[in-house]
Amino acid sequence: MVEDATGTGDATIASLSFEDALKRLETIVQRLESGEASLDESITLYAEGDALRAQCERRLAAAQARIERIQLSPDGRPTGVQPFDAD
């Protein structure tokens, strides 16, 4: 389990909403970019950030899988839905 700078780990990260995980990730990036973190803290923050990035990607993939595209008939009327295709 990855411990983050606040002492929480992967289980806590998994329970975060997408928005909360993204906010935490932005905070981590700002802290790392500031150069004020020690080497040990930077490593810990990087590991937490990587776990948050992965969580955000999972949440986005799950949301994308739920999106459906409306199918239209030749006259423009809705006829049904099909799974979202990102291509």
PDB file of N, CA and C in Angstrom:
ATOM      1  N   MET A   1       0.836  -1.175   0.000  1.00  0.00           N
ATOM      2  CA  MET A   1       0.000   0.000   0.000  1.00  0.00           C
ATOM      3  C   MET A   1       0.882   1.240   0.000  1.00  0.00           C
ATOM      4  N   VAL A   2       0.528   2.212  -0.828  1.00  0.00           N
ATOM      5  CA  VAL A   2       1.276   3.466  -0.901  1.00  0.00           C
ATOM      6  C   VAL A   2       0.761   4.402   0.182  1.00  0.00           C
ATOM      7  N   GLU A   3       1.685   4.905   0.989  1.00  0.00           N
ATOM      8  CA  GLU A   3       1.317   5.887   2.000  1.00  0.00           C
ATOM      9  C   GLU A   3       1.493   7.268   1.410  1.00  0.00           C
ATOM     10  N   ASP A   4       0.491   8.127   1.561  1.00  0.00           N
ATOM     11  CA  ASP A   4       0.648   9.481   1.062  1.00  0.00           C
ATOM     12  C   ASP A   4       1.147  10.384   2.174  1.00  0.00           C
ATOM     13  N   ALA A   5       1.317  11.648   1.862  1.00  0.00           N
ATOM     14  CA  ALA A   5       1.895  12.597   2.811  1.00  0.00           C
ATOM     15  C   ALA A   5       1.012  12.832   4.025  1.00  0.00           C
ATOM     16  N   THR A   6      -0.256  12.456   3.937  1.00  0.00           N
ATOM     17  CA  THR A   6      -1.159  12.637   5.068  1.00  0.00           C
ATOM     18  C   THR A   6      -1.321  11.358   5.873  1.00  0.00           C
ATOM     19  N   GLY A   7      -0.596  10.292   5.474  1.00  0.00           N
ATOM     20  CA  GLY A   7      -0.661   9.043   6.221  1.00  0.00           C
ATOM     21  C   GLY A   7      -1.779   8.120   5.775  1.00  0.00           C
ATOM     22  N   THR A   8      -2.485   8.479   4.717  1.00  0.00           N
ATOM     23  CA  THR A   8      -3.519   7.606   4.195  1.00  0.00           C
ATOM     24  C   THR A   8      -2.939   6.818   3.043  1.00  0.00           C
ATOM     25  N   GLY A   9      -3.638   5.811   2.604  1.00  0.00           N
ATOM     26  CA  GLY A   9      -3.078   4.971   1.559  1.00  0.00           C
ATOM     27  C   GLY A   9      -4.027   4.732   0.414  1.00  0.00           C
ATOM     28  N   ASP A  10      -3.756   3.644  -0.324  1.00  0.00           N
ATOM     29  CA  ASP A  10      -4.516   3.316  -1.520  1.00  0.00           C
ATOM     30  C   ASP A  10      -6.011   3.177  -1.261  1.00  0.00           C
ATOM     31  N   ALA A  11      -6.396   2.630  -0.110  1.00  0.00           N
ATOM     32  CA  ALA A  11      -7.824   2.463   0.186  1.00  0.00           C
ATOM     33  C   ALA A  11      -8.517   3.817   0.274  1.00  0.00           C
ATOM     34  N   THR A  12      -7.849   4.784   0.877  1.00  0.00           N
ATOM     35  CA  THR A  12      -8.423   6.123   0.980  1.00  0.00           C
ATOM     36  C   THR A  12      -8.487   6.768  -0.394  1.00  0.00           C
ATOM     37  N   ILE A  13      -7.456   6.605  -1.196  1.00  0.00           N
ATOM     38  CA  ILE A  13      -7.443   7.158  -2.544  1.00  0.00           C
ATOM     39  C   ILE A  13      -8.590   6.586  -3.357  1.00  0.00           C
ATOM     40  N   ALA A  14      -8.832   5.287  -3.235  1.00  0.00           N
ATOM     41  CA  ALA A  14      -9.909   4.640  -3.977  1.00  0.00           C
ATOM     42  C   ALA A  14     -11.277   5.170  -3.580  1.00  0.00           C
ATOM     43  N   SER A  15     -11.397   5.690  -2.362  1.00  0.00           N
ATOM     44  CA  SER A  15     -12.697   6.190  -1.917  1.00  0.00           C
ATOM     45  C   SER A  15     -12.944   7.645  -2.317  1.00  0.00           C
ATOM     46  N   LEU A  16     -11.914   8.317  -2.841  1.00  0.00           N
ATOM     47  CA  LEU A  16     -12.078   9.712  -3.235  1.00  0.00           C
ATOM     48  C   LEU A  16     -12.908   9.835  -4.511  1.00  0.00           C
ATOM     49  N   SER A  17     -13.688  10.899  -4.583  1.00  0.00           N
ATOM     50  CA  SER A  17     -14.382  11.189  -5.835  1.00  0.00           C
ATOM     51  C   SER A  17     -13.340  11.623  -6.858  1.00  0.00           C
ATOM     52  N   PHE A  18     -13.712  11.622  -8.113  1.00  0.00           N
ATOM     53  CA  PHE A  18     -12.794  12.061  -9.158  1.00  0.00           C
ATOM     54  C   PHE A  18     -12.325  13.485  -8.881  1.00  0.00           C
ATOM     55  N   GLU A  19     -13.263  14.348  -8.518  1.00  0.00           N
ATOM     56  CA  GLU A  19     -12.936  15.751  -8.283  1.00  0.00           C
ATOM     57  C   GLU A  19     -11.976  15.923  -7.113  1.00  0.00           C
ATOM     58  N   ASP A  20     -12.211  15.177  -6.026  1.00  0.00           N
ATOM     59  CA  ASP A  20     -11.330  15.268  -4.858  1.00  0.00           C
ATOM     60  C   ASP A  20      -9.934  14.715  -5.167  1.00  0.00           C
ATOM     61  N   ALA A  21      -9.885  13.616  -5.916  1.00  0.00           N
ATOM     62  CA  ALA A  21      -8.596  13.036  -6.290  1.00  0.00           C
ATOM     63  C   ALA A  21      -7.823  14.010  -7.181  1.00  0.00           C
ATOM     64  N   LEU A  22      -8.526  14.659  -8.101  1.00  0.00           N
ATOM     65  CA  LEU A  22      -7.872  15.611  -8.990  1.00  0.00           C
ATOM     66  C   LEU A  22      -7.363  16.829  -8.222  1.00  0.00           C
ATOM     67  N   LYS A  23      -8.146  17.306  -7.262  1.00  0.00           N
ATOM     68  CA  LYS A  23      -7.705  18.440  -6.434  1.00  0.00           C
ATOM     69  C   LYS A  23      -6.449  18.072  -5.646  1.00  0.00           C
ATOM     70  N   ARG A  24      -6.436  16.878  -5.063  1.00  0.00           N
ATOM     71  CA  ARG A  24      -5.272  16.436  -4.294  1.00  0.00           C
ATOM     72  C   ARG A  24      -4.061  16.310  -5.217  1.00  0.00           C
ATOM     73  N   LEU A  25      -4.279  15.772  -6.412  1.00  0.00           N
ATOM     74  CA  LEU A  25      -3.189  15.631  -7.376  1.00  0.00           C
ATOM     75  C   LEU A  25      -2.635  17.004  -7.759  1.00  0.00           C
ATOM     76  N   GLU A  26      -3.496  17.979  -7.959  1.00  0.00           N
ATOM     77  CA  GLU A  26      -3.048  19.338  -8.278  1.00  0.00           C
ATOM     78  C   GLU A  26      -2.226  19.929  -7.134  1.00  0.00           C
ATOM     79  N   THR A  27      -2.652  19.668  -5.903  1.00  0.00           N
ATOM     80  CA  THR A  27      -1.905  20.146  -4.736  1.00  0.00           C
ATOM     81  C   THR A  27      -0.515  19.525  -4.697  1.00  0.00           C
ATOM     82  N   ILE A  28      -0.444  18.238  -4.985  1.00  0.00           N
ATOM     83  CA  ILE A  28       0.839  17.532  -4.995  1.00  0.00           C
ATOM     84  C   ILE A  28       1.757  18.105  -6.070  1.00  0.00           C
ATOM     85  N   VAL A  29       1.210  18.317  -7.258  1.00  0.00           N
ATOM     86  CA  VAL A  29       2.018  18.868  -8.349  1.00  0.00           C
ATOM     87  C   VAL A  29       2.562  20.244  -7.956  1.00  0.00           C
ATOM     88  N   GLN A  30       1.725  21.076  -7.372  1.00  0.00           N
ATOM     89  CA  GLN A  30       2.177  22.406  -6.944  1.00  0.00           C
ATOM     90  C   GLN A  30       3.293  22.297  -5.904  1.00  0.00           C
ATOM     91  N   ARG A  31       3.135  21.383  -4.974  1.00  0.00           N
ATOM     92  CA  ARG A  31       4.154  21.201  -3.925  1.00  0.00           C
ATOM     93  C   ARG A  31       5.469  20.725  -4.536  1.00  0.00           C
ATOM     94  N   LEU A  32       5.392  19.771  -5.454  1.00  0.00           N
ATOM     95  CA  LEU A  32       6.605  19.265  -6.095  1.00  0.00           C
ATOM     96  C   LEU A  32       7.263  20.336  -6.957  1.00  0.00           C
ATOM     97  N   GLU A  33       6.447  21.095  -7.682  1.00  0.00           N
ATOM     98  CA  GLU A  33       7.002  22.134  -8.549  1.00  0.00           C
ATOM     99  C   GLU A  33       7.617  23.285  -7.758  1.00  0.00           C
ATOM    100  N   SER A  34       7.156  23.491  -6.540  1.00  0.00           N
ATOM    101  CA  SER A  34       7.677  24.596  -5.735  1.00  0.00           C
ATOM    102  C   SER A  34       9.124  24.351  -5.321  1.00  0.00           C
ATOM    103  N   GLY A  35       9.527  23.079  -5.277  1.00  0.00           N
ATOM    104  CA  GLY A  35      10.879  22.746  -4.868  1.00  0.00           C
ATOM    105  C   GLY A  35      11.106  22.823  -3.372  1.00  0.00           C
ATOM    106  N   GLU A  36      10.054  23.031  -2.602  1.00  0.00           N
ATOM    107  CA  GLU A  36      10.185  23.170  -1.153  1.00  0.00           C
ATOM    108  C   GLU A  36      10.168  21.849  -0.407  1.00  0.00           C
ATOM    109  N   ALA A  37       9.756  20.777  -1.080  1.00  0.00           N
ATOM    110  CA  ALA A  37       9.672  19.476  -0.413  1.00  0.00           C
ATOM    111  C   ALA A  37      11.053  18.834  -0.333  1.00  0.00           C
ATOM    112  N   SER A  38      11.302  18.158   0.775  1.00  0.00           N
ATOM    113  CA  SER A  38      12.557  17.412   0.906  1.00  0.00           C
ATOM    114  C   SER A  38      12.531  16.239  -0.076  1.00  0.00           C
ATOM    115  N   LEU A  39      13.668  15.604  -0.238  1.00  0.00           N
ATOM    116  CA  LEU A  39      13.741  14.460  -1.143  1.00  0.00           C
ATOM    117  C   LEU A  39      12.786  13.360  -0.706  1.00  0.00           C
ATOM    118  N   ASP A  40      12.790  13.017   0.589  1.00  0.00           N
ATOM    119  CA  ASP A  40      11.896  11.963   1.077  1.00  0.00           C
ATOM    120  C   ASP A  40      10.431  12.336   0.867  1.00  0.00           C
ATOM    121  N   GLU A  41      10.089  13.590   1.168  1.00  0.00           N
ATOM    122  CA  GLU A  41       8.705  14.033   0.969  1.00  0.00           C
ATOM    123  C   GLU A  41       8.352  14.014  -0.515  1.00  0.00           C
ATOM    124  N   SER A  42       9.283  14.410  -1.366  1.00  0.00           N
ATOM    125  CA  SER A  42       9.030  14.406  -2.816  1.00  0.00           C
ATOM    126  C   SER A  42       8.749  13.000  -3.319  1.00  0.00           C
ATOM    127  N   ILE A  43       9.509  12.032  -2.828  1.00  0.00           N
ATOM    128  CA  ILE A  43       9.289  10.638  -3.234  1.00  0.00           C
ATOM    129  C   ILE A  43       7.918  10.165  -2.780  1.00  0.00           C
ATOM    130  N   THR A  44       7.560  10.488  -1.549  1.00  0.00           N
ATOM    131  CA  THR A  44       6.249  10.105  -1.020  1.00  0.00           C
ATOM    132  C   THR A  44       5.131  10.777  -1.815  1.00  0.00           C
ATOM    133  N   LEU A  45       5.295  12.061  -2.092  1.00  0.00           N
ATOM    134  CA  LEU A  45       4.285  12.795  -2.863  1.00  0.00           C
ATOM    135  C   LEU A  45       4.161  12.241  -4.276  1.00  0.00           C
ATOM    136  N   TYR A  46       5.293  11.909  -4.882  1.00  0.00           N
ATOM    137  CA  TYR A  46       5.271  11.342  -6.229  1.00  0.00           C
ATOM    138  C   TYR A  46       4.484  10.028  -6.248  1.00  0.00           C
ATOM    139  N   ALA A  47       4.732   9.173  -5.265  1.00  0.00           N
ATOM    140  CA  ALA A  47       4.032   7.883  -5.194  1.00  0.00           C
ATOM    141  C   ALA A  47       2.535   8.099  -5.000  1.00  0.00           C
ATOM    142  N   GLU A  48       2.169   9.041  -4.136  1.00  0.00           N
ATOM    143  CA  GLU A  48       0.750   9.336  -3.932  1.00  0.00           C
ATOM    144  C   GLU A  48       0.148   9.897  -5.210  1.00  0.00           C
ATOM    145  N   GLY A  49       0.872  10.793  -5.868  1.00  0.00           N
ATOM    146  CA  GLY A  49       0.387  11.378  -7.115  1.00  0.00           C
ATOM    147  C   GLY A  49       0.164  10.327  -8.181  1.00  0.00           C
ATOM    148  N   ASP A  50       1.071   9.365  -8.260  1.00  0.00           N
ATOM    149  CA  ASP A  50       0.917   8.288  -9.238  1.00  0.00           C
ATOM    150  C   ASP A  50      -0.326   7.459  -8.940  1.00  0.00           C
ATOM    151  N   ALA A  51      -0.573   7.177  -7.667  1.00  0.00           N
ATOM    152  CA  ALA A  51      -1.773   6.427  -7.283  1.00  0.00           C
ATOM    153  C   ALA A  51      -3.039   7.241  -7.592  1.00  0.00           C
ATOM    154  N   LEU A  52      -2.988   8.537  -7.350  1.00  0.00           N
ATOM    155  CA  LEU A  52      -4.138   9.408  -7.661  1.00  0.00           C
ATOM    156  C   LEU A  52      -4.383   9.475  -9.165  1.00  0.00           C
ATOM    157  N   ARG A  53      -3.312   9.574  -9.947  1.00  0.00           N
ATOM    158  CA  ARG A  53      -3.443   9.598 -11.410  1.00  0.00           C
ATOM    159  C   ARG A  53      -4.111   8.316 -11.900  1.00  0.00           C
ATOM    160  N   ALA A  54      -3.675   7.191 -11.383  1.00  0.00           N
ATOM    161  CA  ALA A  54      -4.259   5.909 -11.774  1.00  0.00           C
ATOM    162  C   ALA A  54      -5.739   5.846 -11.380  1.00  0.00           C
ATOM    163  N   GLN A  55      -6.068   6.347 -10.197  1.00  0.00           N
ATOM    164  CA  GLN A  55      -7.460   6.360  -9.746  1.00  0.00           C
ATOM    165  C   GLN A  55      -8.315   7.237 -10.667  1.00  0.00           C
ATOM    166  N   CYS A  56      -7.801   8.402 -11.029  1.00  0.00           N
ATOM    167  CA  CYS A  56      -8.544   9.286 -11.937  1.00  0.00           C
ATOM    168  C   CYS A  56      -8.757   8.616 -13.292  1.00  0.00           C
ATOM    169  N   GLU A  57      -7.732   7.943 -13.798  1.00  0.00           N
ATOM    170  CA  GLU A  57      -7.876   7.233 -15.066  1.00  0.00           C
ATOM    171  C   GLU A  57      -8.930   6.132 -14.981  1.00  0.00           C
ATOM    172  N   ARG A  58      -8.952   5.394 -13.857  1.00  0.00           N
ATOM    173  CA  ARG A  58      -9.969   4.338 -13.682  1.00  0.00           C
ATOM    174  C   ARG A  58     -11.365   4.946 -13.652  1.00  0.00           C
ATOM    175  N   ARG A  59     -11.512   6.050 -12.923  1.00  0.00           N
ATOM    176  CA  ARG A  59     -12.823   6.703 -12.841  1.00  0.00           C
ATOM    177  C   ARG A  59     -13.281   7.205 -14.205  1.00  0.00           C
ATOM    178  N   LEU A  60     -12.370   7.781 -14.977  1.00  0.00           N
ATOM    179  CA  LEU A  60     -12.724   8.255 -16.313  1.00  0.00           C
ATOM    180  C   LEU A  60     -13.103   7.103 -17.233  1.00  0.00           C
ATOM    181  N   ALA A  61     -12.362   6.008 -17.162  1.00  0.00           N
ATOM    182  CA  ALA A  61     -12.666   4.840 -17.990  1.00  0.00           C
ATOM    183  C   ALA A  61     -14.035   4.272 -17.627  1.00  0.00           C
ATOM    184  N   ALA A  62     -14.345   4.231 -16.341  1.00  0.00           N
ATOM    185  CA  ALA A  62     -15.655   3.725 -15.912  1.00  0.00           C
ATOM    186  C   ALA A  62     -16.772   4.640 -16.398  1.00  0.00           C
ATOM    187  N   ALA A  63     -16.554   5.937 -16.328  1.00  0.00           N
ATOM    188  CA  ALA A  63     -17.571   6.885 -16.801  1.00  0.00           C
ATOM    189  C   ALA A  63     -17.757   6.751 -18.306  1.00  0.00           C
ATOM    190  N   GLN A  64     -16.657   6.618 -19.025  1.00  0.00           N
ATOM    191  CA  GLN A  64     -16.739   6.479 -20.476  1.00  0.00           C
ATOM    192  C   GLN A  64     -17.494   5.206 -20.860  1.00  0.00           C
ATOM    193  N   ALA A  65     -17.295   4.142 -20.107  1.00  0.00           N
ATOM    194  CA  ALA A  65     -17.977   2.883 -20.400  1.00  0.00           C
ATOM    195  C   ALA A  65     -19.489   3.007 -20.217  1.00  0.00           C
ATOM    196  N   ARG A  66     -19.920   3.944 -19.384  1.00  0.00           N
ATOM    197  CA  ARG A  66     -21.356   4.117 -19.140  1.00  0.00           C
ATOM    198  C   ARG A  66     -22.023   5.061 -20.144  1.00  0.00           C
ATOM    199  N   ILE A  67     -21.230   5.819 -20.860  1.00  0.00           N
ATOM    200  CA  ILE A  67     -21.796   6.769 -21.811  1.00  0.00           C
ATOM    201  C   ILE A  67     -22.313   6.010 -23.024  1.00  0.00           C
ATOM    202  N   GLU A  68     -23.483   6.371 -23.465  1.00  0.00           N
ATOM    203  CA  GLU A  68     -24.060   5.749 -24.648  1.00  0.00           C
ATOM    204  C   GLU A  68     -24.305   6.821 -25.708  1.00  0.00           C
ATOM    205  N   ARG A  69     -24.163   6.443 -26.932  1.00  0.00           N
ATOM    206  CA  ARG A  69     -24.401   7.356 -28.037  1.00  0.00           C
ATOM    207  C   ARG A  69     -25.793   7.074 -28.598  1.00  0.00           C
ATOM    208  N   ILE A  70     -26.559   8.115 -28.786  1.00  0.00           N
ATOM    209  CA  ILE A  70     -27.910   7.974 -29.326  1.00  0.00           C
ATOM    210  C   ILE A  70     -27.815   7.693 -30.821  1.00  0.00           C
ATOM    211  N   GLN A  71     -28.514   6.660 -31.256  1.00  0.00           N
ATOM    212  CA  GLN A  71     -28.582   6.316 -32.668  1.00  0.00           C
ATOM    213  C   GLN A  71     -29.791   7.021 -33.277  1.00  0.00           C
ATOM    214  N   LEU A  72     -29.591   7.606 -34.450  1.00  0.00           N
ATOM    215  CA  LEU A  72     -30.678   8.299 -35.137  1.00  0.00           C
ATOM    216  C   LEU A  72     -31.025   7.562 -36.420  1.00  0.00           C
ATOM    217  N   SER A  73     -32.322   7.591 -36.759  1.00  0.00           N
ATOM    218  CA  SER A  73     -32.771   7.029 -38.028  1.00  0.00           C
ATOM    219  C   SER A  73     -32.423   8.021 -39.142  1.00  0.00           C
ATOM    220  N   PRO A  74     -32.564   7.623 -40.394  1.00  0.00           N
ATOM    221  CA  PRO A  74     -32.249   8.544 -41.492  1.00  0.00           C
ATOM    222  C   PRO A  74     -33.040   9.858 -41.430  1.00  0.00           C
ATOM    223  N   ASP A  75     -34.224   9.810 -40.831  1.00  0.00           N
ATOM    224  CA  ASP A  75     -35.009  11.056 -40.737  1.00  0.00           C
ATOM    225  C   ASP A  75     -34.689  11.848 -39.465  1.00  0.00           C
ATOM    226  N   GLY A  76     -33.703  11.405 -38.700  1.00  0.00           N
ATOM    227  CA  GLY A  76     -33.253  12.163 -37.537  1.00  0.00           C
ATOM    228  C   GLY A  76     -33.927  11.807 -36.228  1.00  0.00           C
ATOM    229  N   ARG A  77     -34.776  10.796 -36.230  1.00  0.00           N
ATOM    230  CA  ARG A  77     -35.450  10.394 -34.991  1.00  0.00           C
ATOM    231  C   ARG A  77     -34.588   9.406 -34.206  1.00  0.00           C
ATOM    232  N   PRO A  78     -34.590   9.526 -32.885  1.00  0.00           N
ATOM    233  CA  PRO A  78     -33.834   8.566 -32.069  1.00  0.00           C
ATOM    234  C   PRO A  78     -34.389   7.157 -32.235  1.00  0.00           C
ATOM    235  N   THR A  79     -33.502   6.195 -32.430  1.00  0.00           N
ATOM    236  CA  THR A  79     -33.931   4.807 -32.596  1.00  0.00           C
ATOM    237  C   THR A  79     -33.375   3.890 -31.523  1.00  0.00           C
ATOM    238  N   GLY A  80     -32.474   4.371 -30.731  1.00  0.00           N
ATOM    239  CA  GLY A  80     -31.858   3.553 -29.698  1.00  0.00           C
ATOM    240  C   GLY A  80     -30.502   4.118 -29.325  1.00  0.00           C
ATOM    241  N   VAL A  81     -29.764   3.320 -28.607  1.00  0.00           N
ATOM    242  CA  VAL A  81     -28.430   3.746 -28.172  1.00  0.00           C
ATOM    243  C   VAL A  81     -27.430   2.641 -28.462  1.00  0.00           C
ATOM    244  N   GLN A  82     -26.176   3.036 -28.528  1.00  0.00           N
ATOM    245  CA  GLN A  82     -25.093   2.064 -28.633  1.00  0.00           C
ATOM    246  C   GLN A  82     -23.983   2.526 -27.721  1.00  0.00           C
ATOM    247  N   PRO A  83     -23.107   1.618 -27.309  1.00  0.00           N
ATOM    248  CA  PRO A  83     -22.016   2.020 -26.416  1.00  0.00           C
ATOM    249  C   PRO A  83     -21.157   3.103 -27.047  1.00  0.00           C
ATOM    250  N   PHE A  84     -20.619   3.943 -26.196  1.00  0.00           N
ATOM    251  CA  PHE A  84     -19.736   5.019 -26.624  1.00  0.00           C
ATOM    252  C   PHE A  84     -18.494   4.427 -27.283  1.00  0.00           C
ATOM    253  N   ASP A  85     -18.079   5.005 -28.384  1.00  0.00           N
ATOM    254  CA  ASP A  85     -16.863   4.584 -29.059  1.00  0.00           C
ATOM    255  C   ASP A  85     -15.967   5.805 -29.183  1.00  0.00           C
ATOM    256  N   ALA A  86     -14.835   5.781 -28.472  1.00  0.00           N
ATOM    257  CA  ALA A  86     -13.956   6.953 -28.428  1.00  0.00           C
ATOM    258  C   ALA A  86     -13.252   7.201 -29.749  1.00  0.00           C
ATOM    259  N   ASP A  87     -13.242   6.267 -30.650  1.00  0.00           N
ATOM    260  CA  ASP A  87     -12.520   6.448 -31.928  1.00  0.00           C
ATOM    261  C   ASP A  87     -13.255   7.303 -32.877  1.00  0.00           C
TER     262      ASP A  87
END
